[in-house]
Amino acid sequence: MDASLRTLLEGLVDYAGLFPPASLDMASAVRNYRDYSRGPQAPWLGRFVLPVSGLEEFARAAAEVKPPKPGEPEWRLSALIGADLRPDLEAIAAFNSGNPARKRKAVVDTVEMKADRAETIWEAMGKVPAELTPYFEIPIHEDPAPLIAILAEARGRAKVRTGGVTQALIPTTAEVARFILGCARAEVPFKATAGLHHPVRSSRRLTYEPDSGHAVMHGFLNVFLGAAFAAEGMDAGTLGALLEEESPGAFAFAGGEAVWRGHRLTAARLQMARRTFAIAFGSCSFEEPKADLTEAGYL
C-alpha cells in the first residue's frame, strides 16, 4: 500500500456497530472492535462510539472479551451526549476514574453532541472538561458558517451527518462542500458520521434489509481527500466535482502522492490534514470499507 493511502486511512474509522443499519448488541460490537484492533487493518481503526447510557454495559462486555492485551494501546471511546449534559459528563468522569474501567484500559476521551444554536455550544464548552475533545453535530441544510464561526471562537470541533438509512438524510454535495470549506477557512477540525461505508460515491443499498431501497451515497475517499485538498485552498467548484466523482479510477495513490484528476497531495500534506482537520468518520461497518477498497483495486 502506498504511503499516501496508508496516511489517509490511519485512524479514519470510528467504529459505531451499535448504530443503524448494523444495530448490533453491545457484546457483538465490543467483540468486533477487539478483533479489528488486532487485525491487519488495525491502523485504520479509530474510537469505539457509544451513547453515555451504554458505558456500564460496555464495561461488562469489555470484561468478557478481556481487552486489550499487555502492550496493546488502550481503547479510546467516543461517547454520545444525550439531552442532559451535566449527568452525562458525571457518568463519563466516573467511568474514566473507576478502577475497573482503567484496568480494562478503556477511556472516554471524546464526546459528541448535537447543536443548532450558538448558546448550546457555549454552554457545553463551559462544562466539558479539558481532557475531553468535544464534537458538535451541526445542521448543514442551511449555511453552517455562523455555527462554524462559534466553534472556532469556542475551540470546539464540528461534526457533519453525511448519510443515514433514508435518502432524505443524505446531504447534497453542495452542502457537504460548503461545510468542508467553511471548516477549512475557520480552521475548525471535523468528523463525519453515517453513510460513508464505501470509498467512492456510488448508488448503494440504504440498509441491510432484503427489500432496502437504494440511493447515491458519498464516498469516504471523496470526502476526506476533498477535505485535505480544501485545507490546501481548493475552490468550491473543484471540490464539488471531487465530491461527485464516481469513478474509482479517477483516484490514484502512488509514489507517496494521492492524485485526483491531476490534483496532487503528498503523504506529508495528507498527514497534516488528517491530524489537524479531517479527523475521522463513524461507521457501523468496518468490513465494508475494507472490502470495497480491495474490490476497487486500492489495496
Protein backbone atom coordinates (compact mmCIF):
# COMPACT_ATOMS: atom_id res chain seq x y z
CA MET A 1 0.00 0.00 0.00
CA ASP A 2 1.33 3.41 -0.94
CA ALA A 3 2.27 5.75 1.91
CA SER A 4 -0.34 8.30 0.78
CA LEU A 5 -3.23 5.83 1.10
CA ARG A 6 -1.84 4.48 4.37
CA THR A 7 -1.78 8.03 5.72
CA LEU A 8 -5.30 8.77 4.51
CA LEU A 9 -6.67 5.64 6.21
CA GLU A 10 -4.81 5.84 9.52
CA GLY A 11 -7.31 6.06 12.39
CA LEU A 12 -10.03 7.03 9.91
CA VAL A 13 -12.89 4.75 11.00
CA ASP A 14 -14.62 5.27 14.34
CA TYR A 15 -16.46 2.00 14.88
CA ALA A 16 -20.19 2.53 15.50
CA GLY A 17 -21.51 -1.01 15.28
CA LEU A 18 -24.23 -0.27 17.86
CA PHE A 19 -25.98 2.08 15.44
CA PRO A 20 -28.13 1.55 12.31
CA PRO A 21 -28.09 -0.09 9.93
CA ALA A 22 -25.92 -2.68 11.74
CA SER A 23 -27.61 -2.16 15.15
CA LEU A 24 -25.51 -4.79 16.90
CA ASP A 25 -25.85 -5.66 20.56
CA MET A 26 -23.09 -4.39 22.84
CA ALA A 27 -21.35 -7.74 23.27
CA SER A 28 -21.09 -8.27 19.49
CA ALA A 29 -19.89 -4.73 18.84
CA VAL A 30 -17.22 -4.91 21.55
CA ARG A 31 -16.06 -8.30 20.31
CA ASN A 32 -15.78 -6.92 16.76
CA TYR A 33 -13.81 -3.90 17.96
CA ARG A 34 -11.39 -6.17 19.81
CA ASP A 35 -10.89 -8.30 16.71
CA TYR A 36 -10.41 -5.29 14.44
CA SER A 37 -7.89 -3.80 16.87
CA ARG A 38 -5.78 -6.96 16.49
CA GLY A 39 -6.30 -7.48 12.75
CA PRO A 40 -4.24 -6.39 9.74
CA GLN A 41 -6.28 -3.20 9.31
CA ALA A 42 -5.90 -2.15 12.97
CA PRO A 43 -4.12 1.11 11.97
CA TRP A 44 -7.36 2.27 10.29
CA LEU A 45 -9.39 1.85 13.47
CA GLY A 46 -10.31 4.91 15.50
CA ARG A 47 -12.59 5.13 18.52
CA PHE A 48 -15.46 2.94 19.69
CA VAL A 49 -18.64 5.03 19.52
CA LEU A 50 -21.40 4.53 22.09
CA PRO A 51 -24.03 6.51 23.98
CA VAL A 52 -23.14 7.61 27.51
CA SER A 53 -26.05 5.47 28.69
CA GLY A 54 -24.18 2.41 27.41
CA LEU A 55 -20.96 2.86 29.39
CA GLU A 56 -21.84 0.38 32.12
CA GLU A 57 -22.94 -2.22 29.58
CA PHE A 58 -19.72 -1.60 27.65
CA ALA A 59 -17.69 -2.21 30.82
CA ARG A 60 -19.40 -5.57 31.36
CA ALA A 61 -18.94 -6.62 27.72
CA ALA A 62 -15.31 -5.49 27.70
CA ALA A 63 -14.62 -7.57 30.81
CA GLU A 64 -15.86 -10.66 28.95
CA VAL A 65 -13.52 -10.20 25.97
CA LYS A 66 -10.54 -9.18 28.13
CA PRO A 67 -9.19 -6.23 26.07
CA PRO A 68 -6.53 -5.04 25.48
CA LYS A 69 -3.59 -7.39 25.87
CA PRO A 70 -0.46 -6.21 27.71
CA GLY A 71 1.47 -3.91 25.43
CA GLU A 72 -1.55 -3.03 23.29
CA PRO A 73 -2.78 0.59 23.30
CA GLU A 74 -5.76 1.41 25.48
CA TRP A 75 -9.15 1.60 23.85
CA ARG A 76 -10.41 5.12 23.19
CA LEU A 77 -14.15 5.73 23.34
CA SER A 78 -16.30 8.48 21.90
CA ALA A 79 -19.44 8.98 23.96
CA LEU A 80 -22.64 10.49 22.57
CA ILE A 81 -24.14 13.02 24.96
CA GLY A 82 -27.91 12.85 25.46
CA ALA A 83 -30.43 15.50 26.35
CA ASP A 84 -28.90 16.33 29.75
CA LEU A 85 -25.25 17.34 29.62
CA ARG A 86 -24.26 17.51 33.29
CA PRO A 87 -25.24 13.96 34.40
CA ASP A 88 -23.70 12.54 31.23
CA LEU A 89 -20.41 14.28 31.98
CA GLU A 90 -20.57 12.96 35.54
CA ALA A 91 -21.10 9.43 34.20
CA ILE A 92 -18.09 9.80 31.91
CA ALA A 93 -15.94 11.08 34.77
CA ALA A 94 -16.98 8.13 36.92
CA PHE A 95 -16.19 5.68 34.13
CA ASN A 96 -12.77 7.18 33.46
CA SER A 97 -11.76 7.37 37.11
CA GLY A 98 -13.12 3.99 38.23
CA ASN A 99 -10.50 1.33 38.79
CA PRO A 100 -12.36 -1.44 36.89
CA ALA A 101 -12.57 0.71 33.77
CA ARG A 102 -8.92 1.71 33.96
CA LYS A 103 -7.82 -1.87 34.48
CA ARG A 104 -9.57 -2.69 31.22
CA LYS A 105 -7.57 0.15 29.65
CA ALA A 106 -10.59 1.88 28.11
CA VAL A 107 -11.09 5.62 28.36
CA VAL A 108 -13.60 8.13 27.04
CA ASP A 109 -11.57 10.94 25.51
CA THR A 110 -14.12 12.35 23.05
CA VAL A 111 -17.74 13.44 23.34
CA GLU A 112 -20.26 14.17 20.60
CA MET A 113 -23.48 16.15 20.84
CA LYS A 114 -25.96 17.99 18.63
CA ALA A 115 -26.10 21.77 18.47
CA ASP A 116 -28.22 24.02 16.30
CA ARG A 117 -27.74 27.19 18.35
CA ALA A 118 -24.72 29.18 19.47
CA GLU A 119 -25.99 29.11 23.07
CA THR A 120 -25.84 25.30 23.09
CA ILE A 121 -22.20 25.34 22.03
CA TRP A 122 -21.15 28.00 24.56
CA GLU A 123 -23.00 26.28 27.40
CA ALA A 124 -21.41 22.92 26.62
CA MET A 125 -17.92 24.34 26.20
CA GLY A 126 -18.23 25.88 29.64
CA LYS A 127 -18.91 22.45 31.16
CA VAL A 128 -16.89 19.94 29.13
CA PRO A 129 -13.59 19.31 30.95
CA ALA A 130 -10.31 19.94 29.16
CA GLU A 131 -9.46 16.22 28.95
CA LEU A 132 -12.44 15.58 26.63
CA THR A 133 -12.46 16.61 22.97
CA PRO A 134 -15.96 17.87 22.03
CA TYR A 135 -17.60 17.50 18.62
CA PHE A 136 -20.84 19.32 17.82
CA GLU A 137 -23.10 17.92 15.13
CA ILE A 138 -24.46 20.97 13.33
CA PRO A 139 -27.15 21.14 10.63
CA ILE A 140 -25.88 21.89 7.13
CA HIS A 141 -29.05 22.28 5.03
CA GLU A 142 -28.76 26.00 5.79
CA ASP A 143 -25.42 27.80 5.69
CA PRO A 144 -23.46 26.48 8.72
CA ALA A 145 -20.95 29.37 8.65
CA PRO A 146 -22.37 31.14 11.76
CA LEU A 147 -22.14 27.98 13.87
CA ILE A 148 -18.70 27.15 12.47
CA ALA A 149 -17.56 30.64 13.49
CA ILE A 150 -18.81 29.99 17.03
CA LEU A 151 -16.95 26.67 17.12
CA ALA A 152 -13.78 28.42 16.01
CA GLU A 153 -14.13 31.00 18.75
CA ALA A 154 -15.03 28.43 21.41
CA ARG A 155 -12.34 25.97 20.23
CA GLY A 156 -14.86 23.22 19.62
CA ARG A 157 -14.93 20.76 16.73
CA ALA A 158 -17.63 20.16 14.12
CA LYS A 159 -19.46 17.01 13.18
CA VAL A 160 -21.39 16.54 9.94
CA ARG A 161 -24.02 13.94 9.12
CA THR A 162 -23.26 12.61 5.66
CA GLY A 163 -25.99 9.99 5.32
CA GLY A 164 -28.45 7.68 7.02
CA VAL A 165 -30.98 4.93 6.48
CA THR A 166 -33.24 7.08 4.28
CA GLN A 167 -32.41 9.11 1.20
CA ALA A 168 -33.63 12.28 2.89
CA LEU A 169 -30.74 12.05 5.37
CA ILE A 170 -28.08 12.27 2.65
CA PRO A 171 -26.95 15.88 2.16
CA THR A 172 -26.16 17.24 -1.29
CA THR A 173 -22.59 17.57 -2.49
CA ALA A 174 -23.02 21.35 -2.43
CA GLU A 175 -23.98 21.20 1.26
CA VAL A 176 -21.03 18.95 2.12
CA ALA A 177 -18.62 21.13 0.12
CA ARG A 178 -19.90 24.28 1.85
CA PHE A 179 -19.42 22.65 5.25
CA ILE A 180 -15.89 21.44 4.47
CA LEU A 181 -14.81 24.77 3.04
CA GLY A 182 -16.33 26.63 5.98
CA CYS A 183 -14.42 24.47 8.45
CA ALA A 184 -11.20 24.80 6.44
CA ARG A 185 -11.42 28.60 6.35
CA ALA A 186 -12.21 28.80 10.07
CA GLU A 187 -9.61 26.13 10.93
CA VAL A 188 -12.23 24.02 12.72
CA PRO A 189 -11.46 20.27 12.79
CA PHE A 190 -14.35 17.99 11.90
CA LYS A 191 -15.54 14.42 11.82
CA ALA A 192 -18.34 12.85 9.79
CA THR A 193 -20.98 10.31 10.66
CA ALA A 194 -23.27 7.95 8.75
CA GLY A 195 -23.38 6.98 5.11
CA LEU A 196 -19.65 6.65 4.42
CA HIS A 197 -19.24 2.87 4.29
CA HIS A 198 -17.94 2.98 0.72
CA PRO A 199 -14.75 4.61 -0.59
CA VAL A 200 -16.15 6.24 -3.73
CA ARG A 201 -19.51 7.93 -4.32
CA SER A 202 -21.96 5.35 -5.69
CA SER A 203 -25.52 4.03 -5.58
CA ARG A 204 -25.88 1.59 -2.67
CA ARG A 205 -28.50 -0.09 -0.51
CA LEU A 206 -29.59 2.12 2.37
CA THR A 207 -29.85 -0.75 4.87
CA TYR A 208 -29.02 -4.44 5.11
CA GLU A 209 -32.66 -5.47 4.74
CA PRO A 210 -33.52 -7.55 1.63
CA ASP A 211 -36.08 -5.00 0.46
CA SER A 212 -33.89 -1.97 1.14
CA GLY A 213 -34.05 0.95 -1.21
CA HIS A 214 -31.00 2.40 -2.97
CA ALA A 215 -29.52 5.89 -3.01
CA VAL A 216 -26.36 7.62 -4.19
CA MET A 217 -24.07 7.83 -1.16
CA HIS A 218 -20.98 9.93 -0.51
CA GLY A 219 -17.63 8.15 -0.56
CA PHE A 220 -15.10 8.47 2.24
CA LEU A 221 -12.24 8.93 -0.22
CA ASN A 222 -14.19 11.76 -1.85
CA VAL A 223 -14.93 13.45 1.48
CA PHE A 224 -11.57 13.08 3.21
CA LEU A 225 -9.31 13.57 0.23
CA GLY A 226 -11.54 16.52 -0.69
CA ALA A 227 -11.11 17.93 2.80
CA ALA A 228 -7.33 17.61 2.53
CA PHE A 229 -7.41 19.49 -0.77
CA ALA A 230 -9.73 22.11 0.76
CA ALA A 231 -7.17 22.67 3.51
CA GLU A 232 -4.70 23.44 0.71
CA GLY A 233 -7.03 26.03 -0.85
CA MET A 234 -9.12 24.09 -3.37
CA ASP A 235 -12.04 26.21 -4.62
CA ALA A 236 -15.71 25.34 -4.16
CA GLY A 237 -16.37 24.29 -7.76
CA THR A 238 -13.44 21.90 -7.92
CA LEU A 239 -14.23 20.47 -4.50
CA GLY A 240 -17.83 19.90 -5.58
CA ALA A 241 -16.62 18.00 -8.63
CA LEU A 242 -14.33 15.87 -6.47
CA LEU A 243 -17.19 15.06 -4.09
CA GLU A 244 -19.33 13.99 -7.06
CA GLU A 245 -16.61 11.76 -8.56
CA GLU A 246 -17.98 8.23 -9.10
CA SER A 247 -15.06 6.64 -10.94
CA PRO A 248 -12.66 4.68 -8.71
CA GLY A 249 -10.06 5.02 -11.45
CA ALA A 250 -10.01 8.80 -11.02
CA PHE A 251 -8.24 8.35 -7.68
CA ALA A 252 -4.67 7.08 -7.50
CA PHE A 253 -2.22 6.50 -4.68
CA ALA A 254 1.34 6.01 -5.85
CA GLY A 255 4.82 7.37 -5.34
CA GLY A 256 3.86 8.87 -1.97
CA GLU A 257 1.14 11.03 -3.52
CA ALA A 258 -2.66 10.97 -3.63
CA VAL A 259 -3.94 12.05 -7.04
CA TRP A 260 -7.36 13.03 -8.36
CA ARG A 261 -7.58 14.13 -11.99
CA GLY A 262 -4.26 15.95 -11.95
CA HIS A 263 -4.57 17.38 -8.43
CA ARG A 264 -1.85 16.03 -6.15
CA LEU A 265 -1.15 15.84 -2.43
CA THR A 266 1.93 14.37 -0.80
CA ALA A 267 1.65 11.94 2.07
CA ALA A 268 3.12 14.62 4.35
CA ARG A 269 0.39 17.13 3.46
CA LEU A 270 -2.25 14.44 3.86
CA GLN A 271 -0.89 13.62 7.29
CA MET A 272 -1.14 17.24 8.33
CA ALA A 273 -4.75 17.46 7.15
CA ARG A 274 -5.75 14.21 8.85
CA ARG A 275 -4.15 15.11 12.18
CA THR A 276 -5.41 18.67 12.43
CA PHE A 277 -8.52 18.97 10.26
CA ALA A 278 -10.28 15.95 8.72
CA ILE A 279 -10.24 13.62 11.71
CA ALA A 280 -12.47 10.56 11.26
CA PHE A 281 -15.86 9.20 10.30
CA GLY A 282 -18.23 7.00 12.26
CA SER A 283 -19.30 3.78 10.56
CA CYS A 284 -21.36 0.85 11.77
CA SER A 285 -19.28 -1.35 9.45
CA PHE A 286 -15.53 -1.85 9.41
CA GLU A 287 -15.73 -4.70 6.91
CA GLU A 288 -17.40 -2.79 4.05
CA PRO A 289 -14.70 -0.12 3.73
CA LYS A 290 -12.03 -2.84 3.63
CA ALA A 291 -13.92 -4.98 1.10
CA ASP A 292 -14.68 -2.06 -1.19
CA LEU A 293 -11.10 -0.76 -1.13
CA THR A 294 -9.96 -4.24 -2.14
CA GLU A 295 -12.59 -4.60 -4.87
CA ALA A 296 -11.67 -1.20 -6.31
CA GLY A 297 -8.01 -2.23 -6.51
CA TYR A 298 -6.65 0.25 -3.96
CA LEU A 299 -5.28 -2.49 -1.70
